[in-house]
């Protein structure tokens, strides 16, 4: 879901996941806020990266909001 220009929610309840993952879009890069957990979240995240045409932008930074295991994708 695009929340604001250059701010996207890539994973969360509306996508059938408990984990919220956000992306901040820079000129040629992304900043991920949290990462989700496991294969299901990874599939949701990649699907939304494609949906919003962000695939050509490299993830430059990952911000982890806290240390729960579900916020450090394996």
C-alpha atoms as a PDB file:
ATOM      1  CA  UNK A   1       0.000   0.000   0.000  1.00  0.00           C
ATOM      2  CA  UNK A   2       1.375   3.407  -0.899  1.00  0.00           C
ATOM      3  CA  UNK A   3       0.957   5.559   2.203  1.00  0.00           C
ATOM      4  CA  UNK A   4       2.635   8.762   1.032  1.00  0.00           C
ATOM      5  CA  UNK A   5       4.819   9.686  -1.901  1.00  0.00           C
ATOM      6  CA  UNK A   6       7.918   7.481  -1.482  1.00  0.00           C
ATOM      7  CA  UNK A   7       6.510   5.580   1.557  1.00  0.00           C
ATOM      8  CA  UNK A   8       5.069   2.087   1.145  1.00  0.00           C
ATOM      9  CA  UNK A   9       3.754  -0.623   3.413  1.00  0.00           C
ATOM     10  CA  UNK A  10       5.075  -3.843   1.900  1.00  0.00           C
ATOM     11  CA  UNK A  11       3.767  -6.343   4.450  1.00  0.00           C
ATOM     12  CA  UNK A  12       1.167  -6.326   7.231  1.00  0.00           C
ATOM     13  CA  UNK A  13      -2.375  -7.288   8.218  1.00  0.00           C
ATOM     14  CA  UNK A  14      -3.969  -6.227   4.928  1.00  0.00           C
ATOM     15  CA  UNK A  15      -1.688  -8.731   3.185  1.00  0.00           C
ATOM     16  CA  UNK A  16      -2.405 -11.589   5.608  1.00  0.00           C
ATOM     17  CA  UNK A  17       0.706 -11.162   7.765  1.00  0.00           C
ATOM     18  CA  UNK A  18       1.199 -10.084  11.358  1.00  0.00           C
ATOM     19  CA  UNK A  19       4.512  -8.358  10.545  1.00  0.00           C
ATOM     20  CA  UNK A  20       4.547  -4.770   9.281  1.00  0.00           C
ATOM     21  CA  UNK A  21       7.285  -3.901   6.819  1.00  0.00           C
ATOM     22  CA  UNK A  22       7.701  -0.471   5.263  1.00  0.00           C
ATOM     23  CA  UNK A  23       9.897   0.919   2.493  1.00  0.00           C
ATOM     24  CA  UNK A  24      11.110   4.469   2.113  1.00  0.00           C
ATOM     25  CA  UNK A  25      12.053   5.226  -1.474  1.00  0.00           C
ATOM     26  CA  UNK A  26      15.130   7.311  -2.191  1.00  0.00           C
ATOM     27  CA  UNK A  27      16.323   8.426  -5.605  1.00  0.00           C
ATOM     28  CA  UNK A  28      18.066   5.148  -6.450  1.00  0.00           C
ATOM     29  CA  UNK A  29      17.648   3.096  -3.281  1.00  0.00           C
ATOM     30  CA  UNK A  30      15.236   1.776  -0.654  1.00  0.00           C
ATOM     31  CA  UNK A  31      15.304   1.869   3.106  1.00  0.00           C
ATOM     32  CA  UNK A  32      13.408  -1.033   4.682  1.00  0.00           C
ATOM     33  CA  UNK A  33      11.833  -0.580   8.094  1.00  0.00           C
ATOM     34  CA  UNK A  34      11.734  -4.069   9.605  1.00  0.00           C
ATOM     35  CA  UNK A  35      11.972  -7.162   7.425  1.00  0.00           C
ATOM     36  CA  UNK A  36       9.166  -9.580   8.202  1.00  0.00           C
ATOM     37  CA  UNK A  37       9.710 -13.216   9.094  1.00  0.00           C
ATOM     38  CA  UNK A  38       9.940 -16.294   6.922  1.00  0.00           C
ATOM     39  CA  UNK A  39       9.026 -17.295   3.403  1.00  0.00           C
ATOM     40  CA  UNK A  40       5.426 -16.037   3.476  1.00  0.00           C
ATOM     41  CA  UNK A  41       6.448 -12.488   4.410  1.00  0.00           C
ATOM     42  CA  UNK A  42       9.310 -12.541   1.909  1.00  0.00           C
ATOM     43  CA  UNK A  43       6.875 -13.472  -0.885  1.00  0.00           C
ATOM     44  CA  UNK A  44       4.480 -10.695   0.145  1.00  0.00           C
ATOM     45  CA  UNK A  45       7.314  -8.150   0.274  1.00  0.00           C
ATOM     46  CA  UNK A  46       8.722  -9.092  -3.154  1.00  0.00           C
ATOM     47  CA  UNK A  47       5.237  -9.103  -4.693  1.00  0.00           C
ATOM     48  CA  UNK A  48       4.653  -5.566  -3.420  1.00  0.00           C
ATOM     49  CA  UNK A  49       8.110  -4.392  -4.486  1.00  0.00           C
ATOM     50  CA  UNK A  50       7.127  -5.503  -7.993  1.00  0.00           C
ATOM     51  CA  UNK A  51       3.637  -3.982  -7.701  1.00  0.00           C
ATOM     52  CA  UNK A  52       5.062  -0.541  -6.917  1.00  0.00           C
ATOM     53  CA  UNK A  53       7.882  -0.784  -9.489  1.00  0.00           C
ATOM     54  CA  UNK A  54      10.630  -0.680  -6.860  1.00  0.00           C
ATOM     55  CA  UNK A  55      12.573  -3.716  -8.131  1.00  0.00           C
ATOM     56  CA  UNK A  56      15.299  -1.606  -9.771  1.00  0.00           C
ATOM     57  CA  UNK A  57      16.159   0.111  -6.474  1.00  0.00           C
ATOM     58  CA  UNK A  58      18.738  -1.544  -4.246  1.00  0.00           C
ATOM     59  CA  UNK A  59      18.057  -1.839  -0.516  1.00  0.00           C
ATOM     60  CA  UNK A  60      20.707   0.392   1.008  1.00  0.00           C
ATOM     61  CA  UNK A  61      19.624   0.389   4.655  1.00  0.00           C
ATOM     62  CA  UNK A  62      17.488  -1.755   6.954  1.00  0.00           C
ATOM     63  CA  UNK A  63      16.115  -0.197  10.112  1.00  0.00           C
ATOM     64  CA  UNK A  64      15.015  -2.641  12.807  1.00  0.00           C
ATOM     65  CA  UNK A  65      12.536  -1.046  15.176  1.00  0.00           C
ATOM     66  CA  UNK A  66      13.071  -3.622  17.915  1.00  0.00           C
ATOM     67  CA  UNK A  67      14.671  -6.995  18.486  1.00  0.00           C
ATOM     68  CA  UNK A  68      11.738  -9.402  18.230  1.00  0.00           C
ATOM     69  CA  UNK A  69      12.563 -12.380  16.009  1.00  0.00           C
ATOM     70  CA  UNK A  70       9.719 -11.603  13.610  1.00  0.00           C
ATOM     71  CA  UNK A  71      11.471  -8.386  12.609  1.00  0.00           C
ATOM     72  CA  UNK A  72      14.673  -9.999  11.361  1.00  0.00           C
ATOM     73  CA  UNK A  73      13.750 -12.030   8.279  1.00  0.00           C
ATOM     74  CA  UNK A  74      15.710 -15.245   7.888  1.00  0.00           C
END
